[in-house]
Amino acid sequence: MKMKILQKGISKAGQVVSRKGKCETCLNGETPIVTKCLPQDNDFNEDNPVPNRVNRDSMQPRKQPGIYMVRCIVNDWRYYGESNNVSGRLSSHRCDLNRGNHGNRLLQNDFNKYGLENFQFTPLYMGEDNWSDKATRLAKETELIIRDREITYNVFPDQNRSGERNAFFGRFQTEEAKRRIGDAMRGIPNDRLGRKVLIKGTTYPSISEASRQTKMARKTIRARLEDSQNEDFQYLDEAE
């Protein structure tokens, strides 16, 4: 598959260029060695940034704890997870999806529809120093899920699912995890909590959904919604 590099001043097909420097991850401001690449025919949406993946060359030893993501390139939906062996866990996800027996039905359905070539299996954060503690991994995983709750395959505690059907079944919430959840929730704008919008006569359940269907950037939609002179873009009250 041809790849294009999304680094300022660099554009080479067919190879991956990595560099060490101040390349912020989109959520925690860390400065890992990163490689940012996307399939050449994929339209990268800056309004839904993907956390920087770690450099494959830095995965020594291969069995390392951390956070990972399985992402559908077509619709930008993500599945976030944590493990004490990220490489092994990603391999398990790929194997289960190929066999058609993955535990997450939404993820499996999209995999069946779009195929392996339209999915990325990405380590996001790895290393014994920062991610050996399971509670720390769970806190970061939860933060990612909450922040991207409209485009994640993960099941949420508030979705009235019990037992093993709930991704949070059997997990305790540390004070750190609760704090991160609270911080993440407070940072979610109204559109991500489901506020409806009316755009050129069509109603959408949220800005995110409107962006997906209209192919318009979320910040563009939001700016036009805030423009009192633009009657084509309006927020709708819950009663509507």
C-alpha atoms as a PDB file:
ATOM      1  CA  MET A   1       0.000   0.000   0.000  1.00  0.00           C
ATOM      2  CA  LYS A   2       1.328   3.434  -0.901  1.00  0.00           C
ATOM      3  CA  MET A   3       1.790   5.734   2.047  1.00  0.00           C
ATOM      4  CA  LYS A   4       2.179   9.484   2.336  1.00  0.00           C
ATOM      5  CA  ILE A   5       3.991  11.204   5.163  1.00  0.00           C
ATOM      6  CA  LEU A   6       2.107  13.909   7.040  1.00  0.00           C
ATOM      7  CA  GLN A   7       5.126  15.859   8.264  1.00  0.00           C
ATOM      8  CA  LYS A   8       5.787  19.505   7.447  1.00  0.00           C
ATOM      9  CA  GLY A   9       8.110  19.834   4.480  1.00  0.00           C
ATOM     10  CA  ILE A  10       8.261  16.062   3.863  1.00  0.00           C
ATOM     11  CA  SER A  11       6.290  14.144   1.241  1.00  0.00           C
ATOM     12  CA  LYS A  12       7.641  10.786   0.133  1.00  0.00           C
ATOM     13  CA  ALA A  13       5.618   7.866  -1.184  1.00  0.00           C
ATOM     14  CA  GLY A  14       6.350   4.273  -0.354  1.00  0.00           C
ATOM     15  CA  GLN A  15       8.424   4.860   2.771  1.00  0.00           C
ATOM     16  CA  VAL A  16       8.054   5.976   6.358  1.00  0.00           C
ATOM     17  CA  VAL A  17      10.245   8.699   7.807  1.00  0.00           C
ATOM     18  CA  SER A  18      10.521   8.988  11.582  1.00  0.00           C
ATOM     19  CA  ARG A  19      12.113  11.720  13.643  1.00  0.00           C
ATOM     20  CA  LYS A  20      12.708  12.380  17.295  1.00  0.00           C
ATOM     21  CA  GLY A  21      11.626  15.763  18.546  1.00  0.00           C
ATOM     22  CA  LYS A  22       8.797  17.772  20.006  1.00  0.00           C
ATOM     23  CA  CYS A  23       5.949  16.018  18.247  1.00  0.00           C
ATOM     24  CA  GLU A  24       3.038  16.378  20.650  1.00  0.00           C
ATOM     25  CA  THR A  25       0.554  13.594  21.028  1.00  0.00           C
ATOM     26  CA  CYS A  26      -2.868  15.095  20.577  1.00  0.00           C
ATOM     27  CA  LEU A  27      -4.004  14.362  24.118  1.00  0.00           C
ATOM     28  CA  ASN A  28      -1.205  14.426  26.651  1.00  0.00           C
ATOM     29  CA  GLY A  29       1.540  16.589  25.191  1.00  0.00           C
ATOM     30  CA  GLU A  30       4.190  13.879  25.507  1.00  0.00           C
ATOM     31  CA  THR A  31       7.136  13.880  23.109  1.00  0.00           C
ATOM     32  CA  PRO A  32       7.674  10.316  21.893  1.00  0.00           C
ATOM     33  CA  ILE A  33       9.423   9.197  18.746  1.00  0.00           C
ATOM     34  CA  VAL A  34       6.541   9.187  16.297  1.00  0.00           C
ATOM     35  CA  THR A  35       5.688   8.254  12.751  1.00  0.00           C
ATOM     36  CA  LYS A  36       2.614   9.853  11.208  1.00  0.00           C
ATOM     37  CA  CYS A  37       1.373   8.229   8.030  1.00  0.00           C
ATOM     38  CA  LEU A  38      -1.903   7.528   6.319  1.00  0.00           C
ATOM     39  CA  PRO A  39      -2.905   5.586   3.189  1.00  0.00           C
ATOM     40  CA  GLN A  40      -2.525   7.848   0.176  1.00  0.00           C
ATOM     41  CA  ASP A  41      -6.213   7.804  -0.732  1.00  0.00           C
ATOM     42  CA  ASN A  42      -7.388   8.598   2.798  1.00  0.00           C
ATOM     43  CA  ASP A  43      -8.762  12.079   3.545  1.00  0.00           C
ATOM     44  CA  PHE A  44      -7.217  13.070   6.865  1.00  0.00           C
ATOM     45  CA  ASN A  45      -9.671  14.997   9.024  1.00  0.00           C
ATOM     46  CA  GLU A  46      -7.827  17.445  11.263  1.00  0.00           C
ATOM     47  CA  ASP A  47     -10.940  17.856  13.422  1.00  0.00           C
ATOM     48  CA  ASN A  48     -10.728  14.230  14.557  1.00  0.00           C
ATOM     49  CA  PRO A  49      -6.980  13.878  15.192  1.00  0.00           C
ATOM     50  CA  VAL A  50      -5.542  10.424  15.700  1.00  0.00           C
ATOM     51  CA  PRO A  51      -3.022  10.126  18.551  1.00  0.00           C
ATOM     52  CA  ASN A  52       0.497   9.732  17.175  1.00  0.00           C
ATOM     53  CA  ARG A  53       1.631   6.165  16.802  1.00  0.00           C
ATOM     54  CA  VAL A  54       4.948   5.106  18.283  1.00  0.00           C
ATOM     55  CA  ASN A  55       7.904   4.257  16.083  1.00  0.00           C
ATOM     56  CA  ARG A  56       8.004   0.526  15.357  1.00  0.00           C
ATOM     57  CA  ASP A  57      11.786   0.550  15.710  1.00  0.00           C
ATOM     58  CA  SER A  58      11.440   1.628  19.338  1.00  0.00           C
ATOM     59  CA  MET A  59       9.451  -1.465  20.335  1.00  0.00           C
ATOM     60  CA  GLN A  60      12.283  -3.302  22.068  1.00  0.00           C
ATOM     61  CA  PRO A  61      11.557  -5.656  23.628  1.00  0.00           C
ATOM     62  CA  ARG A  62       8.423  -6.398  21.594  1.00  0.00           C
ATOM     63  CA  LYS A  63       6.333  -7.373  24.616  1.00  0.00           C
ATOM     64  CA  GLN A  64       5.592  -3.997  26.162  1.00  0.00           C
ATOM     65  CA  PRO A  65       2.616  -2.547  28.059  1.00  0.00           C
ATOM     66  CA  GLY A  66       0.670   0.401  26.738  1.00  0.00           C
ATOM     67  CA  ILE A  67      -2.355   1.717  24.860  1.00  0.00           C
ATOM     68  CA  TYR A  68      -3.427   0.797  21.326  1.00  0.00           C
ATOM     69  CA  MET A  69      -6.062   1.674  18.743  1.00  0.00           C
ATOM     70  CA  VAL A  70      -7.888  -0.242  16.017  1.00  0.00           C
ATOM     71  CA  ARG A  71      -9.183   2.338  13.529  1.00  0.00           C
ATOM     72  CA  CYS A  72     -11.443   2.119  10.496  1.00  0.00           C
ATOM     73  CA  ILE A  73      -9.989   4.466   7.874  1.00  0.00           C
ATOM     74  CA  VAL A  74     -13.262   4.827   5.987  1.00  0.00           C
ATOM     75  CA  ASN A  75     -15.410   6.276   8.795  1.00  0.00           C
ATOM     76  CA  ASP A  76     -12.684   7.211  11.320  1.00  0.00           C
ATOM     77  CA  TRP A  77     -14.215   5.072  14.077  1.00  0.00           C
ATOM     78  CA  ARG A  78     -11.773   3.767  16.699  1.00  0.00           C
ATOM     79  CA  TYR A  79     -11.488   0.996  19.248  1.00  0.00           C
ATOM     80  CA  TYR A  80      -9.172   1.870  22.135  1.00  0.00           C
ATOM     81  CA  GLY A  81      -7.620  -0.716  24.422  1.00  0.00           C
ATOM     82  CA  GLU A  82      -4.869  -1.336  26.961  1.00  0.00           C
ATOM     83  CA  SER A  83      -2.633  -4.331  27.493  1.00  0.00           C
ATOM     84  CA  ASN A  84       0.583  -5.474  29.129  1.00  0.00           C
ATOM     85  CA  ASN A  85       1.526  -6.793  25.672  1.00  0.00           C
ATOM     86  CA  VAL A  86       0.342  -4.323  23.036  1.00  0.00           C
ATOM     87  CA  SER A  87       1.817  -6.126  20.024  1.00  0.00           C
ATOM     88  CA  GLY A  88       0.280  -9.425  21.088  1.00  0.00           C
ATOM     89  CA  ARG A  89      -3.104  -7.845  21.791  1.00  0.00           C
ATOM     90  CA  LEU A  90      -3.222  -6.158  18.392  1.00  0.00           C
ATOM     91  CA  SER A  91      -2.400  -9.491  16.760  1.00  0.00           C
ATOM     92  CA  SER A  92      -5.278 -11.087  18.672  1.00  0.00           C
ATOM     93  CA  HIS A  93      -7.695  -8.399  17.485  1.00  0.00           C
ATOM     94  CA  ARG A  94      -6.596  -8.899  13.884  1.00  0.00           C
ATOM     95  CA  CYS A  95      -6.921 -12.674  14.186  1.00  0.00           C
ATOM     96  CA  ASP A  96     -10.404 -12.507  15.741  1.00  0.00           C
ATOM     97  CA  LEU A  97     -11.602 -10.062  13.088  1.00  0.00           C
ATOM     98  CA  ASN A  98     -10.249 -12.210  10.260  1.00  0.00           C
ATOM     99  CA  ARG A  99     -12.045 -15.209  11.737  1.00  0.00           C
ATOM    100  CA  GLY A 100     -15.266 -13.249  12.100  1.00  0.00           C
ATOM    101  CA  ASN A 101     -15.607 -13.859  15.829  1.00  0.00           C
ATOM    102  CA  HIS A 102     -14.491 -10.588  17.415  1.00  0.00           C
ATOM    103  CA  GLY A 103     -16.272  -9.769  20.665  1.00  0.00           C
ATOM    104  CA  ASN A 104     -17.245  -6.272  19.515  1.00  0.00           C
ATOM    105  CA  ARG A 105     -20.052  -6.650  16.998  1.00  0.00           C
ATOM    106  CA  LEU A 106     -19.905  -3.087  15.670  1.00  0.00           C
ATOM    107  CA  LEU A 107     -16.203  -3.416  14.964  1.00  0.00           C
ATOM    108  CA  GLN A 108     -16.690  -6.828  13.370  1.00  0.00           C
ATOM    109  CA  ASN A 109     -19.514  -5.550  11.152  1.00  0.00           C
ATOM    110  CA  ASP A 110     -17.387  -2.688   9.815  1.00  0.00           C
ATOM    111  CA  PHE A 111     -14.448  -5.038   9.310  1.00  0.00           C
ATOM    112  CA  ASN A 112     -16.684  -7.366   7.286  1.00  0.00           C
ATOM    113  CA  LYS A 113     -17.944  -4.403   5.248  1.00  0.00           C
ATOM    114  CA  TYR A 114     -14.695  -2.539   4.553  1.00  0.00           C
ATOM    115  CA  GLY A 115     -12.033  -5.249   4.776  1.00  0.00           C
ATOM    116  CA  LEU A 116      -8.622  -5.531   6.422  1.00  0.00           C
ATOM    117  CA  GLU A 117      -7.028  -3.028   4.040  1.00  0.00           C
ATOM    118  CA  ASN A 118      -9.184  -0.262   5.533  1.00  0.00           C
ATOM    119  CA  PHE A 119      -8.170  -0.852   9.148  1.00  0.00           C
ATOM    120  CA  GLN A 120      -5.157   0.326  11.130  1.00  0.00           C
ATOM    121  CA  PHE A 121      -3.820  -1.565  14.153  1.00  0.00           C
ATOM    122  CA  THR A 122      -1.796   1.059  15.964  1.00  0.00           C
ATOM    123  CA  PRO A 123       0.274   1.194  19.192  1.00  0.00           C
ATOM    124  CA  LEU A 124      -0.310   4.649  20.691  1.00  0.00           C
ATOM    125  CA  TYR A 125       1.664   4.675  23.954  1.00  0.00           C
ATOM    126  CA  MET A 126       4.186   2.036  25.016  1.00  0.00           C
ATOM    127  CA  GLY A 127       6.948   1.495  27.540  1.00  0.00           C
ATOM    128  CA  GLU A 128       7.737  -0.126  30.874  1.00  0.00           C
ATOM    129  CA  ASP A 129       8.532   3.203  32.543  1.00  0.00           C
ATOM    130  CA  ASN A 130       5.154   4.866  32.012  1.00  0.00           C
ATOM    131  CA  TRP A 131       2.666   2.089  31.280  1.00  0.00           C
ATOM    132  CA  SER A 132       3.511  -0.932  33.434  1.00  0.00           C
ATOM    133  CA  ASP A 133       0.801   0.025  35.958  1.00  0.00           C
ATOM    134  CA  LYS A 134      -2.605  -1.284  34.868  1.00  0.00           C
ATOM    135  CA  ALA A 135      -4.520   1.480  36.651  1.00  0.00           C
ATOM    136  CA  THR A 136      -2.575   4.082  34.669  1.00  0.00           C
ATOM    137  CA  ARG A 137      -3.352   2.294  31.412  1.00  0.00           C
ATOM    138  CA  LEU A 138      -7.049   2.037  32.271  1.00  0.00           C
ATOM    139  CA  ALA A 139      -7.168   5.743  33.081  1.00  0.00           C
ATOM    140  CA  LYS A 140      -5.642   6.709  29.722  1.00  0.00           C
ATOM    141  CA  GLU A 141      -7.818   4.232  27.823  1.00  0.00           C
ATOM    142  CA  THR A 142     -10.924   5.677  29.490  1.00  0.00           C
ATOM    143  CA  GLU A 143      -9.814   9.223  28.701  1.00  0.00           C
ATOM    144  CA  LEU A 144      -9.436   8.385  25.009  1.00  0.00           C
ATOM    145  CA  ILE A 145     -12.811   6.632  24.862  1.00  0.00           C
ATOM    146  CA  ILE A 146     -14.617   9.500  26.562  1.00  0.00           C
ATOM    147  CA  ARG A 147     -12.985  12.153  24.397  1.00  0.00           C
ATOM    148  CA  ASP A 148     -13.914  10.329  21.179  1.00  0.00           C
ATOM    149  CA  ARG A 149     -17.155   8.837  22.463  1.00  0.00           C
ATOM    150  CA  GLU A 150     -19.110   9.595  19.269  1.00  0.00           C
ATOM    151  CA  ILE A 151     -16.673   7.718  17.056  1.00  0.00           C
ATOM    152  CA  THR A 152     -15.598   4.776  19.227  1.00  0.00           C
ATOM    153  CA  TYR A 153     -16.609   1.143  19.039  1.00  0.00           C
ATOM    154  CA  ASN A 154     -16.051   0.801  22.779  1.00  0.00           C
ATOM    155  CA  VAL A 155     -19.067   0.249  25.015  1.00  0.00           C
ATOM    156  CA  PHE A 156     -19.743   2.857  27.700  1.00  0.00           C
ATOM    157  CA  PRO A 157     -20.903   2.298  31.263  1.00  0.00           C
ATOM    158  CA  ASP A 158     -23.904   4.561  30.658  1.00  0.00           C
ATOM    159  CA  GLN A 159     -25.213   2.442  27.795  1.00  0.00           C
ATOM    160  CA  ASN A 160     -27.152   0.191  30.162  1.00  0.00           C
ATOM    161  CA  ARG A 161     -25.188  -2.909  29.300  1.00  0.00           C
ATOM    162  CA  SER A 162     -24.299  -5.316  32.019  1.00  0.00           C
ATOM    163  CA  GLY A 163     -21.895  -8.153  32.497  1.00  0.00           C
ATOM    164  CA  GLU A 164     -19.390  -9.159  29.861  1.00  0.00           C
ATOM    165  CA  ARG A 165     -21.197  -7.180  27.144  1.00  0.00           C
ATOM    166  CA  ASN A 166     -19.919  -4.039  28.823  1.00  0.00           C
ATOM    167  CA  ALA A 167     -16.286  -3.173  28.073  1.00  0.00           C
ATOM    168  CA  PHE A 168     -15.909  -1.870  31.638  1.00  0.00           C
ATOM    169  CA  PHE A 169     -17.180  -5.082  33.256  1.00  0.00           C
ATOM    170  CA  GLY A 170     -14.956  -6.165  36.133  1.00  0.00           C
ATOM    171  CA  ARG A 171     -12.862  -2.984  36.115  1.00  0.00           C
ATOM    172  CA  PHE A 172     -12.447  -0.811  39.154  1.00  0.00           C
ATOM    173  CA  GLN A 173     -12.179   2.935  38.808  1.00  0.00           C
ATOM    174  CA  THR A 174      -9.248   4.479  40.634  1.00  0.00           C
ATOM    175  CA  GLU A 175      -9.381   8.065  41.812  1.00  0.00           C
ATOM    176  CA  GLU A 176      -7.047   8.953  38.947  1.00  0.00           C
ATOM    177  CA  ALA A 177      -9.389   7.280  36.447  1.00  0.00           C
ATOM    178  CA  LYS A 178     -12.387   9.125  37.892  1.00  0.00           C
ATOM    179  CA  ARG A 179     -10.503  12.413  37.713  1.00  0.00           C
ATOM    180  CA  ARG A 180      -9.564  11.857  34.073  1.00  0.00           C
ATOM    181  CA  ILE A 181     -13.132  10.905  33.177  1.00  0.00           C
ATOM    182  CA  GLY A 182     -14.401  14.079  34.827  1.00  0.00           C
ATOM    183  CA  ASP A 183     -11.799  16.244  33.107  1.00  0.00           C
ATOM    184  CA  ALA A 184     -12.560  14.671  29.746  1.00  0.00           C
ATOM    185  CA  MET A 185     -16.313  15.047  30.134  1.00  0.00           C
ATOM    186  CA  ARG A 186     -16.017  18.695  31.131  1.00  0.00           C
ATOM    187  CA  GLY A 187     -14.010  19.316  27.969  1.00  0.00           C
ATOM    188  CA  ILE A 188     -16.598  17.825  25.609  1.00  0.00           C
ATOM    189  CA  PRO A 189     -18.467  20.534  23.657  1.00  0.00           C
ATOM    190  CA  ASN A 190     -22.246  20.363  23.364  1.00  0.00           C
ATOM    191  CA  ASP A 191     -22.169  18.783  19.913  1.00  0.00           C
ATOM    192  CA  ARG A 192     -20.311  15.766  21.276  1.00  0.00           C
ATOM    193  CA  LEU A 193     -22.976  15.290  23.911  1.00  0.00           C
ATOM    194  CA  GLY A 194     -25.625  15.007  21.200  1.00  0.00           C
ATOM    195  CA  ARG A 195     -27.005  18.510  20.558  1.00  0.00           C
ATOM    196  CA  LYS A 196     -28.960  18.525  17.317  1.00  0.00           C
ATOM    197  CA  VAL A 197     -28.195  20.918  14.478  1.00  0.00           C
ATOM    198  CA  LEU A 198     -30.116  22.050  11.401  1.00  0.00           C
ATOM    199  CA  ILE A 199     -28.046  22.544   8.257  1.00  0.00           C
ATOM    200  CA  LYS A 200     -29.727  23.702   5.059  1.00  0.00           C
ATOM    201  CA  GLY A 201     -33.009  22.101   6.051  1.00  0.00           C
ATOM    202  CA  THR A 202     -31.531  18.788   7.205  1.00  0.00           C
ATOM    203  CA  THR A 203     -31.431  17.797  10.881  1.00  0.00           C
ATOM    204  CA  TYR A 204     -28.372  16.021  12.272  1.00  0.00           C
ATOM    205  CA  PRO A 205     -28.018  14.555  15.789  1.00  0.00           C
ATOM    206  CA  SER A 206     -24.673  16.304  16.307  1.00  0.00           C
ATOM    207  CA  ILE A 207     -21.978  18.353  14.630  1.00  0.00           C
ATOM    208  CA  SER A 208     -19.838  15.239  14.358  1.00  0.00           C
ATOM    209  CA  GLU A 209     -22.538  13.382  12.446  1.00  0.00           C
ATOM    210  CA  ALA A 210     -23.175  16.414  10.247  1.00  0.00           C
ATOM    211  CA  SER A 211     -19.462  16.545   9.479  1.00  0.00           C
ATOM    212  CA  ARG A 212     -19.391  12.877   8.494  1.00  0.00           C
ATOM    213  CA  GLN A 213     -22.408  13.167   6.213  1.00  0.00           C
ATOM    214  CA  THR A 214     -21.643  16.524   4.603  1.00  0.00           C
ATOM    215  CA  LYS A 215     -17.846  16.070   4.444  1.00  0.00           C
ATOM    216  CA  MET A 216     -17.541  19.528   5.996  1.00  0.00           C
ATOM    217  CA  ALA A 217     -14.988  20.170   8.751  1.00  0.00           C
ATOM    218  CA  ARG A 218     -16.481  20.349  12.232  1.00  0.00           C
ATOM    219  CA  LYS A 219     -14.855  23.678  13.014  1.00  0.00           C
ATOM    220  CA  THR A 220     -16.365  25.109   9.816  1.00  0.00           C
ATOM    221  CA  ILE A 221     -19.812  23.885  10.814  1.00  0.00           C
ATOM    222  CA  ARG A 222     -19.370  25.220  14.330  1.00  0.00           C
ATOM    223  CA  ALA A 223     -18.263  28.638  13.045  1.00  0.00           C
ATOM    224  CA  ARG A 224     -21.310  28.912  10.802  1.00  0.00           C
ATOM    225  CA  LEU A 225     -23.592  27.827  13.630  1.00  0.00           C
ATOM    226  CA  GLU A 226     -22.181  30.623  15.766  1.00  0.00           C
ATOM    227  CA  ASP A 227     -22.776  33.139  12.966  1.00  0.00           C
ATOM    228  CA  SER A 228     -26.146  34.721  13.803  1.00  0.00           C
ATOM    229  CA  GLN A 229     -26.442  36.000  10.226  1.00  0.00           C
ATOM    230  CA  ASN A 230     -26.281  32.507   8.728  1.00  0.00           C
ATOM    231  CA  GLU A 231     -29.807  31.079   8.817  1.00  0.00           C
ATOM    232  CA  ASP A 232     -28.779  27.879   7.019  1.00  0.00           C
ATOM    233  CA  PHE A 233     -26.906  26.682  10.115  1.00  0.00           C
ATOM    234  CA  GLN A 234     -28.813  26.518  13.406  1.00  0.00           C
ATOM    235  CA  TYR A 235     -28.684  24.719  16.732  1.00  0.00           C
ATOM    236  CA  LEU A 236     -31.898  22.910  17.650  1.00  0.00           C
ATOM    237  CA  ASP A 237     -33.344  22.759  21.140  1.00  0.00           C
ATOM    238  CA  GLU A 238     -33.917  19.300  22.590  1.00  0.00           C
ATOM    239  CA  ALA A 239     -37.666  19.761  22.185  1.00  0.00           C
ATOM    240  CA  GLU A 240     -37.254  20.115  18.451  1.00  0.00           C
END
